[in-house]
Amino acid sequence: MAINKIDSPKDGFAVVSDAQRTAAKVAGIAGLLAFVLVVFGNYVLLDPLVVPRNAADTARNILAHQTQFRLALMCFIAYGIGSVVLLSALYVIFAPVNRGLALAGALFRLVFAMLWLIAPLNSLAALRLLGEASYLKVFEPDRLQALARVQLAGSFDDYYVGLPFFGLAATVCAWLWLKSRYIPKGLSIFGVIASAWCVFCAVVYLIFPNFNKVVNDYVFDSPMAIFELVVSFWLLFKGLQPSRIATAPHRPEHTLH
């Protein structure tokens, strides 16, 4: 029994299966929700609590707004869950196009999701360092605040270690979008370039930490993020467009007399 295959061509177009159509809607919803969660958690909930180059004020803010801090962590955990849902849906879409590349893209995104989920663990460790447990009394408050700030900074390291995997996943998916023609060709080409650029920047940054003084950190992944956001909107509201396929010219049959 055939599974996950593209339906038979109709009027010169490849018709996507019902499973792919459903997966496209799931991918669109998951992609949009993940984007909203990570932006809200990072820029609305967490960023106001972190005071650059001031561990003491950051510690005071976190202790005074623990619920807000924990809500930010829940947003990050939900983002990780959304990434797993997204990679599953994308695999269903791309498996009929190229099963090997679809699997590679899913695995790259899974590695990124796993590394991403280390960040909430670091943040919880920072919160524990700022707690009132008796075993913490042997440390001076300013030392604990500094250690907590180090834990929070480690969350950024987790992200940048995972970023090459995220970029590779997006590059593979963008290439498969291009090959399948399920979304506009120009959008797919932009995705390939933006995602490959992200991989390049992430790798260079990990080798040369001062690279972000030459290229701003936000330029590393913003083009790729824009591509994934636009694709999510496209999948949710437009769905998968049938891709034009080549049809063999009709050859009249000759009968032997």
Foldseek 3Di string as FASTA:
>chain_A
DDDLAFDDDDPQWTHGDPLLLVLLQLLLVLLVLLVVLLCCLPVVQQVVLDDPPDLVSSLVSCVVPVVSNVSSLVSLLSSLVSLLSNLVSQLSNQCNVPNVLSVLLSVLSNVLSVLLNVLSVLQVVLVVLSDDDPVNVVDDNVVSSVSSVVSNVVSVVSNLVSQLSNLSSQLSSLVSCCSQVQDPNVLSVLSNVLSVQLNVQSVVCVVPVCVCVVPPPCSNRVSNSVSSNVSSVCSNPPNGDTDRDDDDDDDDDDDDD
